[in-house]
Amino acid sequence: MNYLFFRTLAILITSYITGVGVPLLFVWNTLWVALLSSIAIAFINHTIKPILHIVTLPINMLTLGLFSFVINGAMIVLASKMVDGFTIPTLIMGIWFSVVLSVVNYALHIFEKD
């Protein structure tokens, strides 16, 4: 339960910082969209993303791992297509959102108890 709570909180904070994703108006619908988007991102990261990493391994090695940012951004854009109310308009914004989400997850991980 802590995992889902921290990931939902991370998506809310990241949406506030980047200005995209979950609407910034704080209502119960916002929390619901953040919860659904965190579930969608977790599902995509555990199913589709490993397959994409294997398929794009040659390009990832050629770019010294920088193509992973594109894969992460694409996974965020895919999650935004799955969840109504969670909007990421372009791949560039998806990459930006995923970078900020990684930093916020790292910061929140400090407060998470094992």
PDB file of N, CA and C in Angstrom:
ATOM      1  N   MET A   1       0.813  -1.192   0.000  1.00  0.00           N
ATOM      2  CA  MET A   1       0.000   0.000   0.000  1.00  0.00           C
ATOM      3  C   MET A   1       0.860   1.261   0.000  1.00  0.00           C
ATOM      4  N   ASN A   2       1.999   1.193   0.713  1.00  0.00           N
ATOM      5  CA  ASN A   2       2.897   2.342   0.717  1.00  0.00           C
ATOM      6  C   ASN A   2       3.415   2.643  -0.681  1.00  0.00           C
ATOM      7  N   TYR A   3       3.686   1.587  -1.453  1.00  0.00           N
ATOM      8  CA  TYR A   3       4.192   1.765  -2.815  1.00  0.00           C
ATOM      9  C   TYR A   3       3.218   2.597  -3.638  1.00  0.00           C
ATOM     10  N   LEU A   4       1.956   2.220  -3.593  1.00  0.00           N
ATOM     11  CA  LEU A   4       0.941   2.924  -4.372  1.00  0.00           C
ATOM     12  C   LEU A   4       0.745   4.351  -3.876  1.00  0.00           C
ATOM     13  N   PHE A   5       0.789   4.540  -2.557  1.00  0.00           N
ATOM     14  CA  PHE A   5       0.636   5.880  -1.996  1.00  0.00           C
ATOM     15  C   PHE A   5       1.772   6.802  -2.450  1.00  0.00           C
ATOM     16  N   PHE A   6       3.009   6.315  -2.349  1.00  0.00           N
ATOM     17  CA  PHE A   6       4.145   7.146  -2.722  1.00  0.00           C
ATOM     18  C   PHE A   6       4.183   7.419  -4.220  1.00  0.00           C
ATOM     19  N   ARG A   7       3.783   6.453  -5.032  1.00  0.00           N
ATOM     20  CA  ARG A   7       3.773   6.671  -6.481  1.00  0.00           C
ATOM     21  C   ARG A   7       2.677   7.659  -6.876  1.00  0.00           C
ATOM     22  N   THR A   8       1.527   7.584  -6.237  1.00  0.00           N
ATOM     23  CA  THR A   8       0.453   8.545  -6.505  1.00  0.00           C
ATOM     24  C   THR A   8       0.870   9.946  -6.082  1.00  0.00           C
ATOM     25  N   LEU A   9       1.488  10.049  -4.924  1.00  0.00           N
ATOM     26  CA  LEU A   9       1.983  11.336  -4.460  1.00  0.00           C
ATOM     27  C   LEU A   9       3.059  11.874  -5.397  1.00  0.00           C
ATOM     28  N   ALA A  10       3.907  10.997  -5.901  1.00  0.00           N
ATOM     29  CA  ALA A  10       4.960  11.421  -6.828  1.00  0.00           C
ATOM     30  C   ALA A  10       4.365  11.953  -8.126  1.00  0.00           C
ATOM     31  N   ILE A  11       3.311  11.322  -8.622  1.00  0.00           N
ATOM     32  CA  ILE A  11       2.675  11.789  -9.853  1.00  0.00           C
ATOM     33  C   ILE A  11       2.007  13.145  -9.624  1.00  0.00           C
ATOM     34  N   LEU A  12       1.386  13.338  -8.472  1.00  0.00           N
ATOM     35  CA  LEU A  12       0.784  14.641  -8.167  1.00  0.00           C
ATOM     36  C   LEU A  12       1.847  15.739  -8.085  1.00  0.00           C
ATOM     37  N   ILE A  13       2.967  15.457  -7.433  1.00  0.00           N
ATOM     38  CA  ILE A  13       4.034  16.445  -7.308  1.00  0.00           C
ATOM     39  C   ILE A  13       4.653  16.734  -8.675  1.00  0.00           C
ATOM     40  N   THR A  14       4.886  15.695  -9.467  1.00  0.00           N
ATOM     41  CA  THR A  14       5.474  15.873 -10.788  1.00  0.00           C
ATOM     42  C   THR A  14       4.547  16.653 -11.704  1.00  0.00           C
ATOM     43  N   SER A  15       3.254  16.398 -11.619  1.00  0.00           N
ATOM     44  CA  SER A  15       2.299  17.158 -12.424  1.00  0.00           C
ATOM     45  C   SER A  15       2.314  18.630 -12.041  1.00  0.00           C
ATOM     46  N   TYR A  16       2.488  18.897 -10.753  1.00  0.00           N
ATOM     47  CA  TYR A  16       2.558  20.284 -10.301  1.00  0.00           C
ATOM     48  C   TYR A  16       3.828  20.959 -10.821  1.00  0.00           C
ATOM     49  N   ILE A  17       4.961  20.240 -10.782  1.00  0.00           N
ATOM     50  CA  ILE A  17       6.232  20.825 -11.214  1.00  0.00           C
ATOM     51  C   ILE A  17       6.252  21.046 -12.721  1.00  0.00           C
ATOM     52  N   THR A  18       5.823  20.051 -13.499  1.00  0.00           N
ATOM     53  CA  THR A  18       5.920  20.146 -14.959  1.00  0.00           C
ATOM     54  C   THR A  18       4.760  20.891 -15.589  1.00  0.00           C
ATOM     55  N   GLY A  19       3.640  20.937 -14.927  1.00  0.00           N
ATOM     56  CA  GLY A  19       2.475  21.631 -15.483  1.00  0.00           C
ATOM     57  C   GLY A  19       1.662  20.793 -16.448  1.00  0.00           C
ATOM     58  N   VAL A  20       1.993  19.522 -16.611  1.00  0.00           N
ATOM     59  CA  VAL A  20       1.217  18.624 -17.458  1.00  0.00           C
ATOM     60  C   VAL A  20       0.847  17.391 -16.644  1.00  0.00           C
ATOM     61  N   GLY A  21       0.021  16.558 -17.219  1.00  0.00           N
ATOM     62  CA  GLY A  21      -0.372  15.330 -16.533  1.00  0.00           C
ATOM     63  C   GLY A  21      -1.720  15.475 -15.884  1.00  0.00           C
ATOM     64  N   VAL A  22      -1.755  15.376 -14.574  1.00  0.00           N
ATOM     65  CA  VAL A  22      -2.988  15.475 -13.803  1.00  0.00           C
ATOM     66  C   VAL A  22      -3.372  16.953 -13.695  1.00  0.00           C
ATOM     67  N   PRO A  23      -4.650  17.276 -13.828  1.00  0.00           N
ATOM     68  CA  PRO A  23      -5.061  18.686 -13.678  1.00  0.00           C
ATOM     69  C   PRO A  23      -4.644  19.240 -12.314  1.00  0.00           C
ATOM     70  N   LEU A  24      -4.254  20.505 -12.297  1.00  0.00           N
ATOM     71  CA  LEU A  24      -3.727  21.101 -11.071  1.00  0.00           C
ATOM     72  C   LEU A  24      -4.807  21.543 -10.103  1.00  0.00           C
ATOM     73  N   LEU A  25      -6.068  21.517 -10.533  1.00  0.00           N
ATOM     74  CA  LEU A  25      -7.170  21.835  -9.648  1.00  0.00           C
ATOM     75  C   LEU A  25      -7.313  20.685  -8.651  1.00  0.00           C
ATOM     76  N   PHE A  26      -7.229  20.986  -7.359  1.00  0.00           N
ATOM     77  CA  PHE A  26      -7.245  19.918  -6.365  1.00  0.00           C
ATOM     78  C   PHE A  26      -8.676  19.556  -6.004  1.00  0.00           C
ATOM     79  N   VAL A  27      -9.159  18.481  -6.576  1.00  0.00           N
ATOM     80  CA  VAL A  27     -10.471  17.919  -6.267  1.00  0.00           C
ATOM     81  C   VAL A  27     -10.289  16.413  -6.131  1.00  0.00           C
ATOM     82  N   TRP A  28     -11.329  15.714  -5.718  1.00  0.00           N
ATOM     83  CA  TRP A  28     -11.234  14.263  -5.566  1.00  0.00           C
ATOM     84  C   TRP A  28     -10.964  13.586  -6.897  1.00  0.00           C
ATOM     85  N   ASN A  29     -11.448  14.186  -7.982  1.00  0.00           N
ATOM     86  CA  ASN A  29     -11.191  13.617  -9.301  1.00  0.00           C
ATOM     87  C   ASN A  29      -9.694  13.604  -9.608  1.00  0.00           C
ATOM     88  N   THR A  30      -8.961  14.621  -9.147  1.00  0.00           N
ATOM     89  CA  THR A  30      -7.524  14.688  -9.357  1.00  0.00           C
ATOM     90  C   THR A  30      -6.822  13.524  -8.673  1.00  0.00           C
ATOM     91  N   LEU A  31      -7.212  13.224  -7.456  1.00  0.00           N
ATOM     92  CA  LEU A  31      -6.619  12.094  -6.746  1.00  0.00           C
ATOM     93  C   LEU A  31      -6.930  10.777  -7.451  1.00  0.00           C
ATOM     94  N   TRP A  32      -8.136  10.648  -7.964  1.00  0.00           N
ATOM     95  CA  TRP A  32      -8.531   9.434  -8.664  1.00  0.00           C
ATOM     96  C   TRP A  32      -7.708   9.265  -9.945  1.00  0.00           C
ATOM     97  N   VAL A  33      -7.523  10.342 -10.691  1.00  0.00           N
ATOM     98  CA  VAL A  33      -6.730  10.289 -11.923  1.00  0.00           C
ATOM     99  C   VAL A  33      -5.275   9.962 -11.596  1.00  0.00           C
ATOM    100  N   ALA A  34      -4.732  10.542 -10.538  1.00  0.00           N
ATOM    101  CA  ALA A  34      -3.351  10.257 -10.136  1.00  0.00           C
ATOM    102  C   ALA A  34      -3.198   8.796  -9.716  1.00  0.00           C
ATOM    103  N   LEU A  35      -4.187   8.260  -9.014  1.00  0.00           N
ATOM    104  CA  LEU A  35      -4.140   6.861  -8.608  1.00  0.00           C
ATOM    105  C   LEU A  35      -4.203   5.942  -9.819  1.00  0.00           C
ATOM    106  N   LEU A  36      -5.123   6.221 -10.735  1.00  0.00           N
ATOM    107  CA  LEU A  36      -5.228   5.388 -11.942  1.00  0.00           C
ATOM    108  C   LEU A  36      -3.978   5.493 -12.812  1.00  0.00           C
ATOM    109  N   SER A  37      -3.410   6.681 -12.906  1.00  0.00           N
ATOM    110  CA  SER A  37      -2.210   6.825 -13.723  1.00  0.00           C
ATOM    111  C   SER A  37      -1.011   6.136 -13.083  1.00  0.00           C
ATOM    112  N   SER A  38      -0.924   6.136 -11.761  1.00  0.00           N
ATOM    113  CA  SER A  38       0.178   5.415 -11.116  1.00  0.00           C
ATOM    114  C   SER A  38       0.032   3.917 -11.303  1.00  0.00           C
ATOM    115  N   ILE A  39      -1.193   3.413 -11.284  1.00  0.00           N
ATOM    116  CA  ILE A  39      -1.418   1.992 -11.554  1.00  0.00           C
ATOM    117  C   ILE A  39      -1.075   1.666 -13.006  1.00  0.00           C
ATOM    118  N   ALA A  40      -1.474   2.543 -13.936  1.00  0.00           N
ATOM    119  CA  ALA A  40      -1.176   2.319 -15.355  1.00  0.00           C
ATOM    120  C   ALA A  40       0.323   2.356 -15.610  1.00  0.00           C
ATOM    121  N   ILE A  41       1.022   3.309 -15.009  1.00  0.00           N
ATOM    122  CA  ILE A  41       2.471   3.399 -15.199  1.00  0.00           C
ATOM    123  C   ILE A  41       3.162   2.180 -14.607  1.00  0.00           C
ATOM    124  N   ALA A  42       2.726   1.725 -13.440  1.00  0.00           N
ATOM    125  CA  ALA A  42       3.315   0.526 -12.833  1.00  0.00           C
ATOM    126  C   ALA A  42       3.074  -0.698 -13.712  1.00  0.00           C
ATOM    127  N   PHE A  43       1.870  -0.826 -14.255  1.00  0.00           N
ATOM    128  CA  PHE A  43       1.553  -1.961 -15.130  1.00  0.00           C
ATOM    129  C   PHE A  43       2.419  -1.935 -16.393  1.00  0.00           C
ATOM    130  N   ILE A  44       2.545  -0.763 -17.000  1.00  0.00           N
ATOM    131  CA  ILE A  44       3.349  -0.632 -18.220  1.00  0.00           C
ATOM    132  C   ILE A  44       4.824  -0.892 -17.926  1.00  0.00           C
ATOM    133  N   ASN A  45       5.318  -0.373 -16.806  1.00  0.00           N
ATOM    134  CA  ASN A  45       6.727  -0.564 -16.466  1.00  0.00           C
ATOM    135  C   ASN A  45       7.067  -2.014 -16.169  1.00  0.00           C
ATOM    136  N   HIS A  46       6.091  -2.800 -15.754  1.00  0.00           N
ATOM    137  CA  HIS A  46       6.361  -4.196 -15.433  1.00  0.00           C
ATOM    138  C   HIS A  46       6.057  -5.146 -16.582  1.00  0.00           C
ATOM    139  N   THR A  47       5.350  -4.697 -17.613  1.00  0.00           N
ATOM    140  CA  THR A  47       5.001  -5.597 -18.714  1.00  0.00           C
ATOM    141  C   THR A  47       5.633  -5.179 -20.041  1.00  0.00           C
ATOM    142  N   ILE A  48       5.345  -3.998 -20.507  1.00  0.00           N
ATOM    143  CA  ILE A  48       5.765  -3.576 -21.843  1.00  0.00           C
ATOM    144  C   ILE A  48       7.195  -3.059 -21.863  1.00  0.00           C
ATOM    145  N   LYS A  49       7.592  -2.333 -20.856  1.00  0.00           N
ATOM    146  CA  LYS A  49       8.905  -1.691 -20.852  1.00  0.00           C
ATOM    147  C   LYS A  49      10.068  -2.684 -20.939  1.00  0.00           C
ATOM    148  N   PRO A  50      10.062  -3.820 -20.220  1.00  0.00           N
ATOM    149  CA  PRO A  50      11.182  -4.764 -20.372  1.00  0.00           C
ATOM    150  C   PRO A  50      11.308  -5.318 -21.795  1.00  0.00           C
ATOM    151  N   ILE A  51      10.181  -5.533 -22.446  1.00  0.00           N
ATOM    152  CA  ILE A  51      10.215  -6.024 -23.826  1.00  0.00           C
ATOM    153  C   ILE A  51      10.830  -4.973 -24.740  1.00  0.00           C
ATOM    154  N   LEU A  52      10.449  -3.717 -24.553  1.00  0.00           N
ATOM    155  CA  LEU A  52      11.017  -2.632 -25.358  1.00  0.00           C
ATOM    156  C   LEU A  52      12.511  -2.461 -25.107  1.00  0.00           C
ATOM    157  N   HIS A  53      12.940  -2.653 -23.874  1.00  0.00           N
ATOM    158  CA  HIS A  53      14.367  -2.541 -23.585  1.00  0.00           C
ATOM    159  C   HIS A  53      15.163  -3.630 -24.306  1.00  0.00           C
ATOM    160  N   ILE A  54      14.616  -4.821 -24.384  1.00  0.00           N
ATOM    161  CA  ILE A  54      15.302  -5.907 -25.091  1.00  0.00           C
ATOM    162  C   ILE A  54      15.322  -5.642 -26.596  1.00  0.00           C
ATOM    163  N   VAL A  55      14.201  -5.192 -27.142  1.00  0.00           N
ATOM    164  CA  VAL A  55      14.117  -4.939 -28.581  1.00  0.00           C
ATOM    165  C   VAL A  55      15.039  -3.788 -28.992  1.00  0.00           C
ATOM    166  N   THR A  56      15.139  -2.763 -28.161  1.00  0.00           N
ATOM    167  CA  THR A  56      15.937  -1.591 -28.511  1.00  0.00           C
ATOM    168  C   THR A  56      17.342  -1.632 -27.914  1.00  0.00           C
ATOM    169  N   LEU A  57      17.798  -2.798 -27.523  1.00  0.00           N
ATOM    170  CA  LEU A  57      19.122  -2.919 -26.920  1.00  0.00           C
ATOM    171  C   LEU A  57      20.243  -2.414 -27.836  1.00  0.00           C
ATOM    172  N   PRO A  58      20.242  -2.738 -29.140  1.00  0.00           N
ATOM    173  CA  PRO A  58      21.330  -2.216 -29.988  1.00  0.00           C
ATOM    174  C   PRO A  58      21.369  -0.684 -30.045  1.00  0.00           C
ATOM    175  N   ILE A  59      20.213  -0.055 -30.194  1.00  0.00           N
ATOM    176  CA  ILE A  59      20.183   1.413 -30.244  1.00  0.00           C
ATOM    177  C   ILE A  59      20.537   1.994 -28.888  1.00  0.00           C
ATOM    178  N   ASN A  60      20.161   1.313 -27.825  1.00  0.00           N
ATOM    179  CA  ASN A  60      20.482   1.777 -26.480  1.00  0.00           C
ATOM    180  C   ASN A  60      21.986   1.702 -26.235  1.00  0.00           C
ATOM    181  N   MET A  61      22.626   0.664 -26.722  1.00  0.00           N
ATOM    182  CA  MET A  61      24.078   0.546 -26.576  1.00  0.00           C
ATOM    183  C   MET A  61      24.791   1.587 -27.438  1.00  0.00           C
ATOM    184  N   LEU A  62      24.252   1.852 -28.611  1.00  0.00           N
ATOM    185  CA  LEU A  62      24.857   2.836 -29.509  1.00  0.00           C
ATOM    186  C   LEU A  62      24.801   4.249 -28.915  1.00  0.00           C
ATOM    187  N   THR A  63      23.723   4.559 -28.211  1.00  0.00           N
ATOM    188  CA  THR A  63      23.577   5.896 -27.607  1.00  0.00           C
ATOM    189  C   THR A  63      24.031   5.929 -26.154  1.00  0.00           C
ATOM    190  N   LEU A  64      24.684   4.870 -25.715  1.00  0.00           N
ATOM    191  CA  LEU A  64      25.212   4.768 -24.347  1.00  0.00           C
ATOM    192  C   LEU A  64      24.122   4.924 -23.289  1.00  0.00           C
ATOM    193  N   GLY A  65      22.951   4.387 -23.577  1.00  0.00           N
ATOM    194  CA  GLY A  65      21.857   4.373 -22.615  1.00  0.00           C
ATOM    195  C   GLY A  65      20.937   5.574 -22.661  1.00  0.00           C
ATOM    196  N   LEU A  66      21.242   6.559 -23.487  1.00  0.00           N
ATOM    197  CA  LEU A  66      20.393   7.748 -23.535  1.00  0.00           C
ATOM    198  C   LEU A  66      19.039   7.473 -24.185  1.00  0.00           C
ATOM    199  N   PHE A  67      18.945   6.412 -24.973  1.00  0.00           N
ATOM    200  CA  PHE A  67      17.665   6.070 -25.592  1.00  0.00           C
ATOM    201  C   PHE A  67      16.649   5.608 -24.536  1.00  0.00           C
ATOM    202  N   SER A  68      17.129   5.271 -23.357  1.00  0.00           N
ATOM    203  CA  SER A  68      16.226   4.884 -22.265  1.00  0.00           C
ATOM    204  C   SER A  68      15.298   6.035 -21.877  1.00  0.00           C
ATOM    205  N   PHE A  69      15.776   7.277 -22.024  1.00  0.00           N
ATOM    206  CA  PHE A  69      14.912   8.417 -21.754  1.00  0.00           C
ATOM    207  C   PHE A  69      13.737   8.442 -22.725  1.00  0.00           C
ATOM    208  N   VAL A  70      13.987   8.107 -23.976  1.00  0.00           N
ATOM    209  CA  VAL A  70      12.919   8.073 -24.982  1.00  0.00           C
ATOM    210  C   VAL A  70      11.927   6.959 -24.655  1.00  0.00           C
ATOM    211  N   ILE A  71      12.435   5.803 -24.233  1.00  0.00           N
ATOM    212  CA  ILE A  71      11.548   4.696 -23.857  1.00  0.00           C
ATOM    213  C   ILE A  71      10.695   5.085 -22.657  1.00  0.00           C
ATOM    214  N   ASN A  72      11.293   5.700 -21.655  1.00  0.00           N
ATOM    215  CA  ASN A  72      10.532   6.140 -20.471  1.00  0.00           C
ATOM    216  C   ASN A  72       9.467   7.151 -20.854  1.00  0.00           C
ATOM    217  N   GLY A  73       9.823   8.100 -21.704  1.00  0.00           N
ATOM    218  CA  GLY A  73       8.846   9.091 -22.155  1.00  0.00           C
ATOM    219  C   GLY A  73       7.711   8.457 -22.934  1.00  0.00           C
ATOM    220  N   ALA A  74       8.049   7.473 -23.771  1.00  0.00           N
ATOM    221  CA  ALA A  74       7.011   6.777 -24.536  1.00  0.00           C
ATOM    222  C   ALA A  74       6.071   6.001 -23.615  1.00  0.00           C
ATOM    223  N   MET A  75       6.593   5.443 -22.538  1.00  0.00           N
ATOM    224  CA  MET A  75       5.745   4.720 -21.586  1.00  0.00           C
ATOM    225  C   MET A  75       4.810   5.676 -20.860  1.00  0.00           C
ATOM    226  N   ILE A  76       5.281   6.876 -20.558  1.00  0.00           N
ATOM    227  CA  ILE A  76       4.428   7.884 -19.925  1.00  0.00           C
ATOM    228  C   ILE A  76       3.328   8.324 -20.885  1.00  0.00           C
ATOM    229  N   VAL A  77       3.684   8.539 -22.162  1.00  0.00           N
ATOM    230  CA  VAL A  77       2.679   8.929 -23.159  1.00  0.00           C
ATOM    231  C   VAL A  77       1.655   7.814 -23.342  1.00  0.00           C
ATOM    232  N   LEU A  78       2.117   6.552 -23.337  1.00  0.00           N
ATOM    233  CA  LEU A  78       1.192   5.421 -23.443  1.00  0.00           C
ATOM    234  C   LEU A  78       0.237   5.384 -22.253  1.00  0.00           C
ATOM    235  N   ALA A  79       0.750   5.653 -21.054  1.00  0.00           N
ATOM    236  CA  ALA A  79      -0.115   5.688 -19.870  1.00  0.00           C
ATOM    237  C   ALA A  79      -1.116   6.829 -19.966  1.00  0.00           C
ATOM    238  N   SER A  80      -0.715   7.938 -20.566  1.00  0.00           N
ATOM    239  CA  SER A  80      -1.655   9.056 -20.700  1.00  0.00           C
ATOM    240  C   SER A  80      -2.761   8.730 -21.699  1.00  0.00           C
ATOM    241  N   LYS A  81      -2.473   7.859 -22.661  1.00  0.00           N
ATOM    242  CA  LYS A  81      -3.514   7.426 -23.599  1.00  0.00           C
ATOM    243  C   LYS A  81      -4.494   6.452 -22.938  1.00  0.00           C
ATOM    244  N   MET A  82      -4.037   5.742 -21.905  1.00  0.00           N
ATOM    245  CA  MET A  82      -4.873   4.750 -21.231  1.00  0.00           C
ATOM    246  C   MET A  82      -5.809   5.372 -20.198  1.00  0.00           C
ATOM    247  N   VAL A  83      -5.378   6.464 -19.558  1.00  0.00           N
ATOM    248  CA  VAL A  83      -6.132   7.055 -18.446  1.00  0.00           C
ATOM    249  C   VAL A  83      -6.708   8.395 -18.889  1.00  0.00           C
ATOM    250  N   ASP A  84      -8.034   8.500 -18.839  1.00  0.00           N
ATOM    251  CA  ASP A  84      -8.674   9.781 -19.149  1.00  0.00           C
ATOM    252  C   ASP A  84      -8.378  10.783 -18.041  1.00  0.00           C
ATOM    253  N   GLY A  85      -8.038  11.993 -18.425  1.00  0.00           N
ATOM    254  CA  GLY A  85      -7.730  13.026 -17.454  1.00  0.00           C
ATOM    255  C   GLY A  85      -6.247  13.190 -17.221  1.00  0.00           C
ATOM    256  N   PHE A  86      -5.440  12.202 -17.580  1.00  0.00           N
ATOM    257  CA  PHE A  86      -3.981  12.263 -17.456  1.00  0.00           C
ATOM    258  C   PHE A  86      -3.448  12.559 -18.844  1.00  0.00           C
ATOM    259  N   THR A  87      -3.065  13.812 -19.099  1.00  0.00           N
ATOM    260  CA  THR A  87      -2.716  14.216 -20.458  1.00  0.00           C
ATOM    261  C   THR A  87      -1.255  14.614 -20.554  1.00  0.00           C
ATOM    262  N   ILE A  88      -0.553  13.934 -21.424  1.00  0.00           N
ATOM    263  CA  ILE A  88       0.810  14.284 -21.802  1.00  0.00           C
ATOM    264  C   ILE A  88       0.760  14.501 -23.311  1.00  0.00           C
ATOM    265  N   PRO A  89       0.876  15.748 -23.789  1.00  0.00           N
ATOM    266  CA  PRO A  89       0.613  16.029 -25.200  1.00  0.00           C
ATOM    267  C   PRO A  89       1.653  15.501 -26.180  1.00  0.00           C
ATOM    268  N   THR A  90       2.944  15.541 -25.832  1.00  0.00           N
ATOM    269  CA  THR A  90       3.976  15.147 -26.785  1.00  0.00           C
ATOM    270  C   THR A  90       4.991  14.220 -26.130  1.00  0.00           C
ATOM    271  N   LEU A  91       5.833  13.624 -26.969  1.00  0.00           N
ATOM    272  CA  LEU A  91       6.883  12.743 -26.461  1.00  0.00           C
ATOM    273  C   LEU A  91       7.918  13.532 -25.662  1.00  0.00           C
ATOM    274  N   ILE A  92       8.217  14.742 -26.087  1.00  0.00           N
ATOM    275  CA  ILE A  92       9.176  15.572 -25.350  1.00  0.00           C
ATOM    276  C   ILE A  92       8.664  15.856 -23.940  1.00  0.00           C
ATOM    277  N   MET A  93       7.384  16.160 -23.823  1.00  0.00           N
ATOM    278  CA  MET A  93       6.799  16.382 -22.493  1.00  0.00           C
ATOM    279  C   MET A  93       6.784  15.084 -21.688  1.00  0.00           C
ATOM    280  N   GLY A  94       6.604  13.949 -22.363  1.00  0.00           N
ATOM    281  CA  GLY A  94       6.676  12.660 -21.682  1.00  0.00           C
ATOM    282  C   GLY A  94       8.066  12.382 -21.136  1.00  0.00           C
ATOM    283  N   ILE A  95       9.090  12.730 -21.922  1.00  0.00           N
ATOM    284  CA  ILE A  95      10.470  12.559 -21.450  1.00  0.00           C
ATOM    285  C   ILE A  95      10.732  13.472 -20.264  1.00  0.00           C
ATOM    286  N   TRP A  96      10.296  14.732 -20.360  1.00  0.00           N
ATOM    287  CA  TRP A  96      10.463  15.681 -19.254  1.00  0.00           C
ATOM    288  C   TRP A  96       9.724  15.192 -18.009  1.00  0.00           C
ATOM    289  N   PHE A  97       8.497  14.715 -18.189  1.00  0.00           N
ATOM    290  CA  PHE A  97       7.705  14.213 -17.067  1.00  0.00           C
ATOM    291  C   PHE A  97       8.400  13.012 -16.423  1.00  0.00           C
ATOM    292  N   SER A  98       8.950  12.107 -17.237  1.00  0.00           N
ATOM    293  CA  SER A  98       9.594  10.921 -16.666  1.00  0.00           C
ATOM    294  C   SER A  98      10.875  11.267 -15.924  1.00  0.00           C
ATOM    295  N   VAL A  99      11.628  12.258 -16.395  1.00  0.00           N
ATOM    296  CA  VAL A  99      12.840  12.678 -15.688  1.00  0.00           C
ATOM    297  C   VAL A  99      12.479  13.300 -14.340  1.00  0.00           C
ATOM    298  N   VAL A 100      11.499  14.183 -14.336  1.00  0.00           N
ATOM    299  CA  VAL A 100      11.083  14.822 -13.074  1.00  0.00           C
ATOM    300  C   VAL A 100      10.458  13.783 -12.142  1.00  0.00           C
ATOM    301  N   LEU A 101       9.695  12.842 -12.704  1.00  0.00           N
ATOM    302  CA  LEU A 101       9.101  11.774 -11.882  1.00  0.00           C
ATOM    303  C   LEU A 101      10.184  10.919 -11.232  1.00  0.00           C
ATOM    304  N   SER A 102      11.264  10.652 -11.941  1.00  0.00           N
ATOM    305  CA  SER A 102      12.368   9.886 -11.360  1.00  0.00           C
ATOM    306  C   SER A 102      13.007  10.629 -10.194  1.00  0.00           C
ATOM    307  N   VAL A 103      13.198  11.924 -10.348  1.00  0.00           N
ATOM    308  CA  VAL A 103      13.799  12.727  -9.274  1.00  0.00           C
ATOM    309  C   VAL A 103      12.862  12.786  -8.066  1.00  0.00           C
ATOM    310  N   VAL A 104      11.574  12.966  -8.312  1.00  0.00           N
ATOM    311  CA  VAL A 104      10.603  13.026  -7.212  1.00  0.00           C
ATOM    312  C   VAL A 104      10.498  11.664  -6.514  1.00  0.00           C
ATOM    313  N   ASN A 105      10.501  10.575  -7.291  1.00  0.00           N
ATOM    314  CA  ASN A 105      10.482   9.237  -6.685  1.00  0.00           C
ATOM    315  C   ASN A 105      11.709   9.009  -5.817  1.00  0.00           C
ATOM    316  N   TYR A 106      12.870   9.476  -6.288  1.00  0.00           N
ATOM    317  CA  TYR A 106      14.091   9.353  -5.490  1.00  0.00           C
ATOM    318  C   TYR A 106      13.973  10.146  -4.191  1.00  0.00           C
ATOM    319  N   ALA A 107      13.447  11.363  -4.282  1.00  0.00           N
ATOM    320  CA  ALA A 107      13.297  12.195  -3.083  1.00  0.00           C
ATOM    321  C   ALA A 107      12.298  11.580  -2.100  1.00  0.00           C
ATOM    322  N   LEU A 108      11.203  11.014  -2.623  1.00  0.00           N
ATOM    323  CA  LEU A 108      10.206  10.397  -1.743  1.00  0.00           C
ATOM    324  C   LEU A 108      10.701   9.065  -1.179  1.00  0.00           C
ATOM    325  N   HIS A 109      11.614   8.412  -1.879  1.00  0.00           N
ATOM    326  CA  HIS A 109      12.127   7.136  -1.411  1.00  0.00           C
ATOM    327  C   HIS A 109      12.920   7.311  -0.106  1.00  0.00           C
ATOM    328  N   ILE A 110      13.443   8.504   0.104  1.00  0.00           N
ATOM    329  CA  ILE A 110      14.173   8.779   1.350  1.00  0.00           C
ATOM    330  C   ILE A 110      13.241   8.658   2.553  1.00  0.00           C
ATOM    331  N   PHE A 111      11.971   9.059   2.387  1.00  0.00           N
ATOM    332  CA  PHE A 111      11.015   9.026   3.493  1.00  0.00           C
ATOM    333  C   PHE A 111      10.286   7.691   3.633  1.00  0.00           C
ATOM    334  N   GLU A 112      10.447   6.819   2.656  1.00  0.00           N
ATOM    335  CA  GLU A 112       9.749   5.538   2.666  1.00  0.00           C
ATOM    336  C   GLU A 112      10.476   4.564   3.589  1.00  0.00           C
ATOM    337  N   LYS A 113       9.725   3.899   4.428  1.00  0.00           N
ATOM    338  CA  LYS A 113      10.298   2.906   5.332  1.00  0.00           C
ATOM    339  C   LYS A 113      10.353   1.556   4.629  1.00  0.00           C
ATOM    340  N   ASP A 114      11.419   0.813   4.868  1.00  0.00           N
ATOM    341  CA  ASP A 114      11.545  -0.510   4.231  1.00  0.00           C
ATOM    342  C   ASP A 114      10.793  -1.564   4.968  1.00  0.00           C
TER     343      ASP A 114
END
